[in-house]
PDB file of N, CA and C in Angstrom:
ATOM      1  N   MET A   1       4.653 112.987  -4.602  1.00  0.00           N
ATOM      2  CA  MET A   1       3.675 113.731  -5.352  1.00  0.00           C
ATOM      3  C   MET A   1       2.298 113.142  -5.063  1.00  0.00           C
ATOM      4  N   VAL A   2       1.358 113.968  -4.709  1.00  0.00           N
ATOM      5  CA  VAL A   2       0.007 113.508  -4.393  1.00  0.00           C
ATOM      6  C   VAL A   2      -0.748 113.249  -5.693  1.00  0.00           C
ATOM      7  N   ARG A   3      -1.354 112.077  -5.786  1.00  0.00           N
ATOM      8  CA  ARG A   3      -2.136 111.666  -6.962  1.00  0.00           C
ATOM      9  C   ARG A   3      -3.520 111.216  -6.506  1.00  0.00           C
ATOM     10  N   LYS A   4      -4.469 111.243  -7.420  1.00  0.00           N
ATOM     11  CA  LYS A   4      -5.801 110.715  -7.126  1.00  0.00           C
ATOM     12  C   LYS A   4      -5.744 109.195  -7.286  1.00  0.00           C
ATOM     13  N   VAL A   5      -6.146 108.484  -6.243  1.00  0.00           N
ATOM     14  CA  VAL A   5      -6.054 107.023  -6.231  1.00  0.00           C
ATOM     15  C   VAL A   5      -7.425 106.422  -5.970  1.00  0.00           C
ATOM     16  N   GLN A   6      -7.756 105.382  -6.741  1.00  0.00           N
ATOM     17  CA  GLN A   6      -8.979 104.612  -6.513  1.00  0.00           C
ATOM     18  C   GLN A   6      -8.604 103.138  -6.565  1.00  0.00           C
ATOM     19  N   ILE A   7      -9.007 102.398  -5.544  1.00  0.00           N
ATOM     20  CA  ILE A   7      -8.767 100.956  -5.501  1.00  0.00           C
ATOM     21  C   ILE A   7     -10.129 100.289  -5.415  1.00  0.00           C
ATOM     22  N   ARG A   8     -10.404  99.415  -6.372  1.00  0.00           N
ATOM     23  CA  ARG A   8     -11.684  98.711  -6.414  1.00  0.00           C
ATOM     24  C   ARG A   8     -11.406  97.228  -6.612  1.00  0.00           C
ATOM     25  N   SER A   9     -12.140  96.398  -5.881  1.00  0.00           N
ATOM     26  CA  SER A   9     -11.986  94.959  -6.083  1.00  0.00           C
ATOM     27  C   SER A   9     -13.337  94.285  -5.974  1.00  0.00           C
ATOM     28  N   GLY A  10     -13.461  93.194  -6.703  1.00  0.00           N
ATOM     29  CA  GLY A  10     -14.686  92.408  -6.689  1.00  0.00           C
ATOM     30  C   GLY A  10     -14.364  90.988  -6.281  1.00  0.00           C
ATOM     31  N   PRO A  11     -15.307  90.074  -6.482  1.00  0.00           N
ATOM     32  CA  PRO A  11     -15.119  88.695  -6.011  1.00  0.00           C
ATOM     33  C   PRO A  11     -14.084  87.900  -6.812  1.00  0.00           C
ATOM     34  N   GLY A  12     -13.865  88.256  -8.056  1.00  0.00           N
ATOM     35  CA  GLY A  12     -12.930  87.492  -8.880  1.00  0.00           C
ATOM     36  C   GLY A  12     -11.560  88.133  -8.966  1.00  0.00           C
ATOM     37  N   ARG A  13     -10.571  87.321  -9.353  1.00  0.00           N
ATOM     38  CA  ARG A  13      -9.198  87.812  -9.459  1.00  0.00           C
ATOM     39  C   ARG A  13      -9.082  88.963 -10.446  1.00  0.00           C
ATOM     40  N   HIS A  14      -9.878  88.948 -11.479  1.00  0.00           N
ATOM     41  CA  HIS A  14      -9.803  89.986 -12.506  1.00  0.00           C
ATOM     42  C   HIS A  14     -10.807  91.122 -12.281  1.00  0.00           C
ATOM     43  N   ASP A  15     -11.541  91.039 -11.188  1.00  0.00           N
ATOM     44  CA  ASP A  15     -12.516  92.085 -10.851  1.00  0.00           C
ATOM     45  C   ASP A  15     -11.861  93.125  -9.957  1.00  0.00           C
ATOM     46  N   ARG A  16     -10.831  93.754 -10.471  1.00  0.00           N
ATOM     47  CA  ARG A  16     -10.115  94.737  -9.665  1.00  0.00           C
ATOM     48  C   ARG A  16      -9.607  95.872 -10.528  1.00  0.00           C
ATOM     49  N   GLN A  17      -9.462  97.001  -9.891  1.00  0.00           N
ATOM     50  CA  GLN A  17      -8.910  98.172 -10.560  1.00  0.00           C
ATOM     51  C   GLN A  17      -8.013  98.907  -9.574  1.00  0.00           C
ATOM     52  N   LEU A  18      -6.921  99.410 -10.086  1.00  0.00           N
ATOM     53  CA  LEU A  18      -6.079 100.336  -9.345  1.00  0.00           C
ATOM     54  C   LEU A  18      -5.877 101.521 -10.275  1.00  0.00           C
ATOM     55  N   LEU A  19      -6.605 102.578  -9.983  1.00  0.00           N
ATOM     56  CA  LEU A  19      -6.555 103.765 -10.826  1.00  0.00           C
ATOM     57  C   LEU A  19      -5.706 104.831 -10.154  1.00  0.00           C
ATOM     58  N   ILE A  20      -4.720 105.302 -10.879  1.00  0.00           N
ATOM     59  CA  ILE A  20      -3.893 106.415 -10.426  1.00  0.00           C
ATOM     60  C   ILE A  20      -4.076 107.517 -11.454  1.00  0.00           C
ATOM     61  N   ASP A  21      -4.669 108.609 -11.013  1.00  0.00           N
ATOM     62  CA  ASP A  21      -5.043 109.700 -11.918  1.00  0.00           C
ATOM     63  C   ASP A  21      -5.852 109.190 -13.106  1.00  0.00           C
ATOM     64  N   GLY A  22      -6.743 108.214 -12.837  1.00  0.00           N
ATOM     65  CA  GLY A  22      -7.629 107.687 -13.860  1.00  0.00           C
ATOM     66  C   GLY A  22      -7.052 106.573 -14.704  1.00  0.00           C
ATOM     67  N   LEU A  23      -5.765 106.277 -14.581  1.00  0.00           N
ATOM     68  CA  LEU A  23      -5.119 105.217 -15.362  1.00  0.00           C
ATOM     69  C   LEU A  23      -5.148 103.922 -14.566  1.00  0.00           C
ATOM     70  N   ASP A  24      -5.759 102.871 -15.135  1.00  0.00           N
ATOM     71  CA  ASP A  24      -5.856 101.577 -14.458  1.00  0.00           C
ATOM     72  C   ASP A  24      -4.568 100.796 -14.687  1.00  0.00           C
ATOM     73  N   ILE A  25      -3.824 100.548 -13.606  1.00  0.00           N
ATOM     74  CA  ILE A  25      -2.571  99.795 -13.714  1.00  0.00           C
ATOM     75  C   ILE A  25      -2.658  98.444 -13.003  1.00  0.00           C
ATOM     76  N   ALA A  26      -3.857  97.994 -12.661  1.00  0.00           N
ATOM     77  CA  ALA A  26      -4.044  96.771 -11.875  1.00  0.00           C
ATOM     78  C   ALA A  26      -3.377  95.554 -12.505  1.00  0.00           C
ATOM     79  N   ASP A  27      -3.395  95.431 -13.815  1.00  0.00           N
ATOM     80  CA  ASP A  27      -2.817  94.252 -14.464  1.00  0.00           C
ATOM     81  C   ASP A  27      -1.299  94.217 -14.368  1.00  0.00           C
ATOM     82  N   SER A  28      -0.671  95.319 -14.015  1.00  0.00           N
ATOM     83  CA  SER A  28       0.784  95.377 -13.916  1.00  0.00           C
ATOM     84  C   SER A  28       1.276  95.309 -12.474  1.00  0.00           C
ATOM     85  N   VAL A  29       0.368  95.207 -11.518  1.00  0.00           N
ATOM     86  CA  VAL A  29       0.743  95.252 -10.107  1.00  0.00           C
ATOM     87  C   VAL A  29       0.811  93.843  -9.539  1.00  0.00           C
ATOM     88  N   TYR A  30       1.917  93.522  -8.859  1.00  0.00           N
ATOM     89  CA  TYR A  30       1.955  92.245  -8.160  1.00  0.00           C
ATOM     90  C   TYR A  30       1.881  92.422  -6.649  1.00  0.00           C
ATOM     91  N   ARG A  31       2.087  93.648  -6.157  1.00  0.00           N
ATOM     92  CA  ARG A  31       1.936  93.886  -4.729  1.00  0.00           C
ATOM     93  C   ARG A  31       1.670  95.357  -4.503  1.00  0.00           C
ATOM     94  N   LEU A  32       0.810  95.640  -3.540  1.00  0.00           N
ATOM     95  CA  LEU A  32       0.617  97.032  -3.146  1.00  0.00           C
ATOM     96  C   LEU A  32       0.419  97.095  -1.648  1.00  0.00           C
ATOM     97  N   GLU A  33       0.767  98.231  -1.113  1.00  0.00           N
ATOM     98  CA  GLU A  33       0.604  98.483   0.315  1.00  0.00           C
ATOM     99  C   GLU A  33       0.031  99.884   0.465  1.00  0.00           C
ATOM    100  N   TYR A  34      -1.022  99.987   1.231  1.00  0.00           N
ATOM    101  CA  TYR A  34      -1.663 101.272   1.470  1.00  0.00           C
ATOM    102  C   TYR A  34      -1.429 101.646   2.924  1.00  0.00           C
ATOM    103  N   ARG A  35      -0.785 102.769   3.134  1.00  0.00           N
ATOM    104  CA  ARG A  35      -0.481 103.230   4.492  1.00  0.00           C
ATOM    105  C   ARG A  35      -1.296 104.475   4.805  1.00  0.00           C
ATOM    106  N   THR A  36      -1.892 104.474   5.971  1.00  0.00           N
ATOM    107  CA  THR A  36      -2.664 105.631   6.380  1.00  0.00           C
ATOM    108  C   THR A  36      -2.259 106.030   7.798  1.00  0.00           C
ATOM    109  N   ASP A  37      -2.181 107.318   8.009  1.00  0.00           N
ATOM    110  CA  ASP A  37      -1.807 107.875   9.307  1.00  0.00           C
ATOM    111  C   ASP A  37      -2.620 109.151   9.467  1.00  0.00           C
ATOM    112  N   PRO A  38      -3.286 109.331  10.602  1.00  0.00           N
ATOM    113  CA  PRO A  38      -4.131 110.521  10.761  1.00  0.00           C
ATOM    114  C   PRO A  38      -3.364 111.833  10.678  1.00  0.00           C
ATOM    115  N   ASP A  39      -2.057 111.797  10.882  1.00  0.00           N
ATOM    116  CA  ASP A  39      -1.260 113.029  10.871  1.00  0.00           C
ATOM    117  C   ASP A  39      -0.506 113.261   9.560  1.00  0.00           C
ATOM    118  N   GLU A  40      -0.672 112.365   8.587  1.00  0.00           N
ATOM    119  CA  GLU A  40       0.061 112.490   7.330  1.00  0.00           C
ATOM    120  C   GLU A  40      -0.845 112.168   6.143  1.00  0.00           C
ATOM    121  N   VAL A  41      -0.394 112.505   4.956  1.00  0.00           N
ATOM    122  CA  VAL A  41      -1.092 112.136   3.730  1.00  0.00           C
ATOM    123  C   VAL A  41      -0.933 110.634   3.533  1.00  0.00           C
ATOM    124  N   ASP A  42      -2.001 109.948   3.153  1.00  0.00           N
ATOM    125  CA  ASP A  42      -1.926 108.508   2.904  1.00  0.00           C
ATOM    126  C   ASP A  42      -0.863 108.209   1.847  1.00  0.00           C
ATOM    127  N   GLN A  43      -0.292 107.000   1.934  1.00  0.00           N
ATOM    128  CA  GLN A  43       0.727 106.575   0.971  1.00  0.00           C
ATOM    129  C   GLN A  43       0.307 105.269   0.326  1.00  0.00           C
ATOM    130  N   LEU A  44       0.528 105.159  -0.964  1.00  0.00           N
ATOM    131  CA  LEU A  44       0.303 103.929  -1.703  1.00  0.00           C
ATOM    132  C   LEU A  44       1.640 103.498  -2.288  1.00  0.00           C
ATOM    133  N   LEU A  45       2.119 102.306  -1.882  1.00  0.00           N
ATOM    134  CA  LEU A  45       3.369 101.761  -2.405  1.00  0.00           C
ATOM    135  C   LEU A  45       3.007 100.647  -3.377  1.00  0.00           C
ATOM    136  N   VAL A  46       3.513 100.722  -4.593  1.00  0.00           N
ATOM    137  CA  VAL A  46       3.140  99.782  -5.639  1.00  0.00           C
ATOM    138  C   VAL A  46       4.389  99.141  -6.225  1.00  0.00           C
ATOM    139  N   ASP A  47       4.397  97.807  -6.287  1.00  0.00           N
ATOM    140  CA  ASP A  47       5.442  97.071  -6.990  1.00  0.00           C
ATOM    141  C   ASP A  47       4.834  96.561  -8.290  1.00  0.00           C
ATOM    142  N   LEU A  48       5.518  96.836  -9.384  1.00  0.00           N
ATOM    143  CA  LEU A  48       5.002  96.459 -10.695  1.00  0.00           C
ATOM    144  C   LEU A  48       5.654  95.186 -11.197  1.00  0.00           C
ATOM    145  N   LEU A  49       4.911  94.412 -11.920  1.00  0.00           N
ATOM    146  CA  LEU A  49       5.385  93.186 -12.540  1.00  0.00           C
ATOM    147  C   LEU A  49       5.462  93.429 -14.038  1.00  0.00           C
ATOM    148  N   LEU A  50       6.647  93.346 -14.577  1.00  0.00           N
ATOM    149  CA  LEU A  50       6.830  93.509 -16.018  1.00  0.00           C
ATOM    150  C   LEU A  50       6.955  92.124 -16.634  1.00  0.00           C
ATOM    151  N   LEU A  51       5.914  91.693 -17.311  1.00  0.00           N
ATOM    152  CA  LEU A  51       5.910  90.351 -17.876  1.00  0.00           C
ATOM    153  C   LEU A  51       6.799  90.241 -19.106  1.00  0.00           C
ATOM    154  N   GLU A  52       6.807  91.245 -19.916  1.00  0.00           N
ATOM    155  CA  GLU A  52       7.632  91.228 -21.127  1.00  0.00           C
ATOM    156  C   GLU A  52       8.435  92.508 -21.179  1.00  0.00           C
ATOM    157  N   THR A  53       9.720  92.363 -21.299  1.00  0.00           N
ATOM    158  CA  THR A  53      10.564  93.532 -21.406  1.00  0.00           C
ATOM    159  C   THR A  53      11.844  93.159 -22.147  1.00  0.00           C
ATOM    160  N   ASP A  54      12.389  94.099 -22.825  1.00  0.00           N
ATOM    161  CA  ASP A  54      13.638  93.901 -23.547  1.00  0.00           C
ATOM    162  C   ASP A  54      14.424  95.199 -23.435  1.00  0.00           C
ATOM    163  N   ILE A  55      15.404  95.192 -22.561  1.00  0.00           N
ATOM    164  CA  ILE A  55      16.190  96.394 -22.313  1.00  0.00           C
ATOM    165  C   ILE A  55      17.654  96.063 -22.536  1.00  0.00           C
ATOM    166  N   GLU A  56      18.324  96.937 -23.241  1.00  0.00           N
ATOM    167  CA  GLU A  56      19.752  96.756 -23.466  1.00  0.00           C
ATOM    168  C   GLU A  56      20.410  98.126 -23.421  1.00  0.00           C
ATOM    169  N   GLY A  57      21.476  98.234 -22.689  1.00  0.00           N
ATOM    170  CA  GLY A  57      22.172  99.504 -22.586  1.00  0.00           C
ATOM    171  C   GLY A  57      22.840  99.649 -21.241  1.00  0.00           C
ATOM    172  N   GLU A  58      23.230 100.856 -20.919  1.00  0.00           N
ATOM    173  CA  GLU A  58      23.872 101.137 -19.657  1.00  0.00           C
ATOM    174  C   GLU A  58      22.912 101.902 -18.758  1.00  0.00           C
ATOM    175  N   ALA A  59      23.013 101.648 -17.457  1.00  0.00           N
ATOM    176  CA  ALA A  59      22.154 102.322 -16.490  1.00  0.00           C
ATOM    177  C   ALA A  59      22.857 102.346 -15.144  1.00  0.00           C
ATOM    178  N   VAL A  60      22.509 103.299 -14.352  1.00  0.00           N
ATOM    179  CA  VAL A  60      22.978 103.341 -12.973  1.00  0.00           C
ATOM    180  C   VAL A  60      22.063 102.417 -12.179  1.00  0.00           C
ATOM    181  N   VAL A  61      22.668 101.479 -11.458  1.00  0.00           N
ATOM    182  CA  VAL A  61      21.900 100.540 -10.653  1.00  0.00           C
ATOM    183  C   VAL A  61      22.017 100.972  -9.200  1.00  0.00           C
ATOM    184  N   GLU A  62      20.884 101.215  -8.573  1.00  0.00           N
ATOM    185  CA  GLU A  62      20.863 101.633  -7.185  1.00  0.00           C
ATOM    186  C   GLU A  62      20.122 100.605  -6.351  1.00  0.00           C
ATOM    187  N   ILE A  63      20.687 100.276  -5.219  1.00  0.00           N
ATOM    188  CA  ILE A  63      20.066  99.344  -4.278  1.00  0.00           C
ATOM    189  C   ILE A  63      19.750 100.134  -3.016  1.00  0.00           C
ATOM    190  N   PRO A  64      18.508 100.086  -2.532  1.00  0.00           N
ATOM    191  CA  PRO A  64      18.189 100.804  -1.300  1.00  0.00           C
ATOM    192  C   PRO A  64      19.124 100.378  -0.162  1.00  0.00           C
ATOM    193  N   GLU A  65      19.460 101.313   0.699  1.00  0.00           N
ATOM    194  CA  GLU A  65      20.412 101.050   1.779  1.00  0.00           C
ATOM    195  C   GLU A  65      19.974  99.873   2.649  1.00  0.00           C
ATOM    196  N   SER A  66      18.688  99.777   2.947  1.00  0.00           N
ATOM    197  CA  SER A  66      18.216  98.666   3.786  1.00  0.00           C
ATOM    198  C   SER A  66      18.426  97.324   3.086  1.00  0.00           C
ATOM    199  N   THR A  67      18.232  97.277   1.764  1.00  0.00           N
ATOM    200  CA  THR A  67      18.472  96.056   1.003  1.00  0.00           C
ATOM    201  C   THR A  67      19.960  95.743   0.968  1.00  0.00           C
ATOM    202  N   HIS A  68      20.778  96.767   0.766  1.00  0.00           N
ATOM    203  CA  HIS A  68      22.234  96.596   0.752  1.00  0.00           C
ATOM    204  C   HIS A  68      22.716  95.981   2.066  1.00  0.00           C
ATOM    205  N   ARG A  69      22.254  96.538   3.191  1.00  0.00           N
ATOM    206  CA  ARG A  69      22.658  96.013   4.502  1.00  0.00           C
ATOM    207  C   ARG A  69      22.226  94.561   4.670  1.00  0.00           C
ATOM    208  N   ALA A  70      21.005  94.241   4.226  1.00  0.00           N
ATOM    209  CA  ALA A  70      20.508  92.870   4.345  1.00  0.00           C
ATOM    210  C   ALA A  70      21.345  91.918   3.505  1.00  0.00           C
ATOM    211  N   LEU A  71      21.663  92.299   2.273  1.00  0.00           N
ATOM    212  CA  LEU A  71      22.468  91.441   1.398  1.00  0.00           C
ATOM    213  C   LEU A  71      23.866  91.223   1.959  1.00  0.00           C
ATOM    214  N   VAL A  72      24.507  92.293   2.419  1.00  0.00           N
ATOM    215  CA  VAL A  72      25.841  92.173   3.012  1.00  0.00           C
ATOM    216  C   VAL A  72      25.776  91.287   4.250  1.00  0.00           C
ATOM    217  N   GLY A  73      24.734  91.452   5.057  1.00  0.00           N
ATOM    218  CA  GLY A  73      24.556  90.622   6.244  1.00  0.00           C
ATOM    219  C   GLY A  73      24.391  89.151   5.915  1.00  0.00           C
ATOM    220  N   LEU A  74      23.887  88.861   4.708  1.00  0.00           N
ATOM    221  CA  LEU A  74      23.718  87.471   4.261  1.00  0.00           C
ATOM    222  C   LEU A  74      24.934  86.942   3.506  1.00  0.00           C
ATOM    223  N   GLY A  75      25.990  87.775   3.422  1.00  0.00           N
ATOM    224  CA  GLY A  75      27.230  87.299   2.815  1.00  0.00           C
ATOM    225  C   GLY A  75      27.546  87.829   1.436  1.00  0.00           C
ATOM    226  N   TRP A  76      26.723  88.689   0.886  1.00  0.00           N
ATOM    227  CA  TRP A  76      26.971  89.250  -0.439  1.00  0.00           C
ATOM    228  C   TRP A  76      28.145  90.214  -0.393  1.00  0.00           C
ATOM    229  N   THR A  77      29.014  90.139  -1.376  1.00  0.00           N
ATOM    230  CA  THR A  77      30.119  91.091  -1.497  1.00  0.00           C
ATOM    231  C   THR A  77      29.773  92.057  -2.621  1.00  0.00           C
ATOM    232  N   PRO A  78      29.609  93.336  -2.298  1.00  0.00           N
ATOM    233  CA  PRO A  78      29.264  94.294  -3.337  1.00  0.00           C
ATOM    234  C   PRO A  78      30.396  94.441  -4.351  1.00  0.00           C
ATOM    235  N   PRO A  79      30.079  94.755  -5.600  1.00  0.00           N
ATOM    236  CA  PRO A  79      31.116  94.971  -6.608  1.00  0.00           C
ATOM    237  C   PRO A  79      31.861  96.260  -6.286  1.00  0.00           C
ATOM    238  N   PRO A  80      33.060  96.433  -6.874  1.00  0.00           N
ATOM    239  CA  PRO A  80      33.809  97.666  -6.645  1.00  0.00           C
ATOM    240  C   PRO A  80      33.009  98.891  -7.073  1.00  0.00           C
ATOM    241  N   ALA A  81      33.195  99.983  -6.361  1.00  0.00           N
ATOM    242  CA  ALA A  81      32.462 101.216  -6.660  1.00  0.00           C
ATOM    243  C   ALA A  81      32.782 101.758  -8.044  1.00  0.00           C
ATOM    244  N   ASP A  82      33.957 101.415  -8.586  1.00  0.00           N
ATOM    245  CA  ASP A  82      34.342 101.941  -9.896  1.00  0.00           C
ATOM    246  C   ASP A  82      33.726 101.154 -11.048  1.00  0.00           C
ATOM    247  N   GLY A  83      33.002 100.078 -10.736  1.00  0.00           N
ATOM    248  CA  GLY A  83      32.332  99.292 -11.783  1.00  0.00           C
ATOM    249  C   GLY A  83      33.249  98.369 -12.554  1.00  0.00           C
ATOM    250  N   SER A  84      34.477  98.146 -12.055  1.00  0.00           N
ATOM    251  CA  SER A  84      35.439  97.332 -12.791  1.00  0.00           C
ATOM    252  C   SER A  84      35.133  95.846 -12.718  1.00  0.00           C
ATOM    253  N   GLY A  85      34.229  95.450 -11.823  1.00  0.00           N
ATOM    254  CA  GLY A  85      33.823  94.059 -11.750  1.00  0.00           C
ATOM    255  C   GLY A  85      34.787  93.184 -10.990  1.00  0.00           C
ATOM    256  N   GLY A  86      35.777  93.751 -10.349  1.00  0.00           N
ATOM    257  CA  GLY A  86      36.643  92.930  -9.517  1.00  0.00           C
ATOM    258  C   GLY A  86      38.044  93.165  -9.851  1.00  0.00           C
TER     259      GLY A  86
END
């Protein structure tokens, strides 16, 4: 989805803004990557840092295929697909 993006930075660590549709999320970002290609719409990839969170419940956990391959290559054994835990 195309959004309006503004990235502003100043000399200090706190002199920065990352506005997405006017909402400043800079304080929640620990990494961003801006990709530009003359033949495509620019892309902004943002990883968020959640300093405080409290979540309890059930959720579907998905691991990107590239991460899955890397983990398996490093010796990780994925849990059973049925979620039985072994």
